[in-house]
N, C-alpha and C. Protein backbone atom coordinates (compact mmCIF):
# COMPACT_ATOMS: atom_id res chain seq x y z
N UNK A 1 12.02 5.91 -8.29
CA UNK A 1 11.05 6.77 -9.46
C UNK A 1 10.05 7.93 -9.10
N UNK A 2 9.88 8.68 -9.67
CA UNK A 2 9.20 9.86 -9.42
C UNK A 2 7.60 9.83 -9.18
N UNK A 3 6.50 9.59 -8.63
CA UNK A 3 4.76 9.24 -8.94
C UNK A 3 4.20 9.94 -9.03
N UNK A 4 4.81 11.66 -8.11
CA UNK A 4 4.20 12.63 -8.50
C UNK A 4 4.94 13.70 -8.99
N UNK A 5 4.77 14.28 -9.71
CA UNK A 5 5.78 15.03 -10.93
C UNK A 5 5.27 16.67 -9.76
N UNK A 6 3.98 16.94 -9.62
CA UNK A 6 3.64 17.83 -8.83
C UNK A 6 4.61 18.43 -7.54
N UNK A 7 4.38 17.38 -6.70
CA UNK A 7 4.92 17.25 -5.17
C UNK A 7 6.32 16.80 -5.37
N UNK A 8 7.19 16.47 -6.51
CA UNK A 8 8.34 15.31 -6.49
C UNK A 8 8.34 13.95 -5.58
N UNK A 9 7.15 13.41 -5.66
CA UNK A 9 7.48 11.99 -4.59
C UNK A 9 7.36 10.94 -5.20
N UNK A 10 8.57 10.24 -4.38
CA UNK A 10 9.32 8.98 -5.03
C UNK A 10 7.89 7.20 -4.58
N UNK A 11 8.16 6.75 -5.32
CA UNK A 11 7.64 5.32 -5.48
C UNK A 11 8.03 5.44 -4.11
N UNK A 12 9.16 4.99 -3.26
CA UNK A 12 9.82 4.40 -2.18
C UNK A 12 9.61 5.24 -0.93
N UNK A 13 9.02 6.68 -1.31
CA UNK A 13 8.22 7.71 -0.17
C UNK A 13 6.83 6.87 -0.10
N UNK A 14 6.12 6.89 -1.38
CA UNK A 14 4.78 6.62 -1.16
C UNK A 14 4.66 5.05 -0.38
N UNK A 15 5.65 3.69 -0.47
CA UNK A 15 5.49 2.70 -0.06
C UNK A 15 5.70 2.98 1.27
N UNK A 16 6.60 4.03 2.10
CA UNK A 16 7.37 4.15 3.61
C UNK A 16 5.75 3.78 3.99
N UNK A 17 4.93 5.46 3.59
CA UNK A 17 3.61 5.85 3.85
C UNK A 17 2.82 4.74 3.88
N UNK A 18 2.72 3.80 2.90
CA UNK A 18 1.10 2.78 3.06
C UNK A 18 1.84 1.66 3.81
N UNK A 19 3.03 1.28 3.96
CA UNK A 19 3.47 0.55 5.73
C UNK A 19 2.65 0.69 7.40
N UNK A 20 2.57 2.10 6.71
CA UNK A 20 1.86 2.68 8.52
C UNK A 20 -0.04 3.03 8.13
N UNK A 21 -0.46 3.10 6.81
CA UNK A 21 -1.93 3.54 6.20
C UNK A 21 -2.45 2.73 7.53
N UNK A 22 -3.71 3.70 7.55
CA UNK A 22 -4.58 3.08 8.39
C UNK A 22 -5.71 2.58 7.52
N UNK A 23 -6.18 3.94 6.52
CA UNK A 23 -6.70 3.75 5.40
C UNK A 23 -6.35 3.96 3.94
N UNK A 24 -6.88 3.24 3.26
CA UNK A 24 -6.42 3.10 1.76
C UNK A 24 -6.95 4.71 0.97
N UNK A 25 -5.97 5.66 1.23
CA UNK A 25 -6.69 7.20 0.38
C UNK A 25 -5.48 7.43 0.27
N UNK A 26 -5.66 8.48 -1.22
CA UNK A 26 -4.24 9.19 -1.33
C UNK A 26 -4.08 10.34 -0.74
N UNK A 27 -5.51 11.04 0.03
CA UNK A 27 -5.24 11.79 0.91
C UNK A 27 -4.37 11.75 2.14
N UNK A 28 -4.24 10.39 2.72
CA UNK A 28 -3.49 10.18 3.65
C UNK A 28 -2.05 10.19 3.38
N UNK A 29 -1.59 9.99 2.27
CA UNK A 29 -0.50 9.52 2.02
C UNK A 29 0.36 10.96 1.97
N UNK A 30 -0.60 12.14 0.94
CA UNK A 30 -0.45 13.25 1.05
C UNK A 30 -0.37 14.16 2.24
N UNK A 31 -1.32 14.09 2.97
CA UNK A 31 -0.72 14.50 4.15
C UNK A 31 0.15 13.89 5.32
N UNK A 32 0.62 12.31 5.08
CA UNK A 32 1.75 12.17 5.60
C UNK A 32 3.27 12.56 5.35
N UNK A 33 2.80 13.01 3.98
CA UNK A 33 4.34 13.75 3.31
C UNK A 33 4.23 15.20 3.52
N UNK A 34 2.94 15.45 3.83
CA UNK A 34 3.37 17.08 3.95
C UNK A 34 2.95 17.69 2.31
N UNK A 35 1.86 17.39 1.76
CA UNK A 35 1.22 17.77 0.59
C UNK A 35 0.08 17.38 0.64
N UNK A 36 -0.33 17.76 -0.96
CA UNK A 36 -1.68 18.22 -1.17
C UNK A 36 -1.64 17.66 -2.59
N UNK A 37 -2.71 17.04 -2.77
CA UNK A 37 -3.29 16.80 -4.27
C UNK A 37 -3.22 17.91 -5.27
N UNK A 38 -2.45 17.66 -6.79
CA UNK A 38 -2.39 19.26 -7.51
C UNK A 38 -3.36 18.62 -8.91
N UNK A 39 -2.52 18.06 -9.34
CA UNK A 39 -3.47 18.07 -10.77
C UNK A 39 -4.00 16.35 -10.55
N UNK A 40 -3.59 15.36 -9.38
CA UNK A 40 -4.52 14.15 -9.43
C UNK A 40 -4.08 12.94 -10.54
N UNK A 41 -3.37 13.55 -11.26
CA UNK A 41 -2.89 12.19 -11.99
C UNK A 41 -2.05 10.90 -11.63
N UNK A 42 -1.64 11.05 -10.20
CA UNK A 42 -0.92 10.10 -9.51
C UNK A 42 -1.58 9.56 -8.72
N UNK A 43 -2.97 9.83 -8.72
CA UNK A 43 -3.61 8.82 -7.39
C UNK A 43 -3.88 7.50 -7.65
N UNK A 44 -3.44 7.34 -8.97
CA UNK A 44 -4.13 6.30 -9.53
C UNK A 44 -3.01 5.33 -8.53
N UNK A 45 -1.65 5.82 -9.58
CA UNK A 45 -0.72 4.90 -8.82
C UNK A 45 0.09 4.94 -7.81
N UNK A 46 -0.62 5.80 -6.84
CA UNK A 46 -0.67 5.82 -5.41
C UNK A 46 -1.60 4.90 -4.59
N UNK A 47 -2.30 5.04 -5.09
CA UNK A 47 -3.86 3.43 -5.15
C UNK A 47 -3.21 2.36 -5.13
N UNK A 48 -2.37 1.75 -6.69
CA UNK A 48 -1.62 0.47 -7.42
C UNK A 48 -0.55 0.07 -5.83
N UNK A 49 0.25 1.42 -5.72
CA UNK A 49 1.56 1.02 -4.72
C UNK A 49 0.81 0.34 -3.70
N UNK A 50 -0.26 1.48 -3.08
CA UNK A 50 -0.76 1.12 -1.68
C UNK A 50 -1.39 -0.58 -1.68
N UNK A 51 -2.03 -0.47 -2.91
CA UNK A 51 -2.64 -2.36 -3.19
C UNK A 51 -1.36 -3.25 -3.05
N UNK A 52 -0.52 -2.63 -3.59
CA UNK A 52 0.69 -3.61 -3.88
C UNK A 52 1.36 -3.85 -2.42
N UNK A 53 1.32 -2.77 -1.43
CA UNK A 53 1.75 -3.08 0.08
C UNK A 53 1.41 -4.05 0.60
N UNK A 54 -0.45 -3.42 0.66
CA UNK A 54 -1.33 -3.91 1.31
C UNK A 54 -1.43 -5.81 0.76
N UNK A 55 -1.38 -5.71 -0.44
CA UNK A 55 -1.44 -7.11 -0.53
C UNK A 55 0.00 -7.83 0.29
N UNK A 56 1.19 -7.47 0.20
CA UNK A 56 2.31 -7.75 0.35
C UNK A 56 2.58 -8.21 1.76
N UNK A 57 1.72 -7.62 2.97
CA UNK A 57 1.77 -7.80 4.32
C UNK A 57 0.56 -8.93 4.62
N UNK A 58 -0.22 -8.99 3.55
CA UNK A 58 -1.20 -9.90 4.54
C UNK A 58 -0.79 -11.48 4.64
N UNK A 59 -1.20 -11.55 5.96
CA UNK A 59 -0.59 -13.07 6.72
C UNK A 59 -1.48 -14.38 5.92
N UNK A 60 -0.84 -15.34 5.34
CA UNK A 60 -1.66 -16.43 5.05
C UNK A 60 -2.10 -17.55 5.79
N UNK A 61 -2.89 -17.04 5.54
CA UNK A 61 -3.85 -18.09 7.10
C UNK A 61 -3.09 -19.90 6.98
N UNK A 62 -3.13 -20.54 8.30
CA UNK A 62 -2.42 -21.98 8.21
C UNK A 62 -3.57 -22.66 8.19
N UNK A 63 -3.49 -24.06 7.16
CA UNK A 63 -4.68 -24.92 7.02
C UNK A 63 -3.82 -26.54 8.31
N UNK A 64 -5.32 -26.14 9.34
CA UNK A 64 -5.11 -26.94 10.11
C UNK A 64 -5.26 -28.73 10.01
N UNK A 65 -5.43 -28.73 9.03
CA UNK A 65 -6.08 -30.12 8.57
C UNK A 65 -3.91 -30.64 8.74
N UNK A 66 -4.22 -31.42 8.57
CA UNK A 66 -2.66 -32.56 8.66
C UNK A 66 -3.13 -33.31 7.87
N UNK A 67 -1.92 -34.37 7.23
CA UNK A 67 -1.97 -35.56 6.72
C UNK A 67 -2.76 -37.06 7.86
N UNK A 68 -1.92 -36.93 9.07
CA UNK A 68 -2.23 -37.43 10.19
C UNK A 68 -3.42 -37.46 10.41
N UNK A 69 -4.17 -36.11 10.49
CA UNK A 69 -6.11 -36.29 11.11
C UNK A 69 -6.47 -36.51 9.99
N UNK A 70 -6.19 -36.56 8.77
CA UNK A 70 -7.17 -37.18 7.54
C UNK A 70 -7.16 -38.97 7.60
N UNK A 71 -5.79 -39.13 8.06
CA UNK A 71 -6.12 -41.01 8.52
C UNK A 71 -6.69 -41.85 9.62
N UNK A 72 -7.15 -40.63 10.57
CA UNK A 72 -8.05 -41.08 11.86
C UNK A 72 -10.03 -41.28 11.23
């Protein structure tokens, strides 16, 4: 799906860049894809995609309590 009509950026391209993002900014995405923001209507969607990628990459902490430890 095309996310940015001005630069013809797809959601796939944005997700690929978001996986390597060191910060959550649209400027980072545009720069990595060799373009810049024009009208800006895509910025909220790009941020949303970045959030989805970052949330999906979070590691869930392991609970150290075990049922055996609770019995002691």
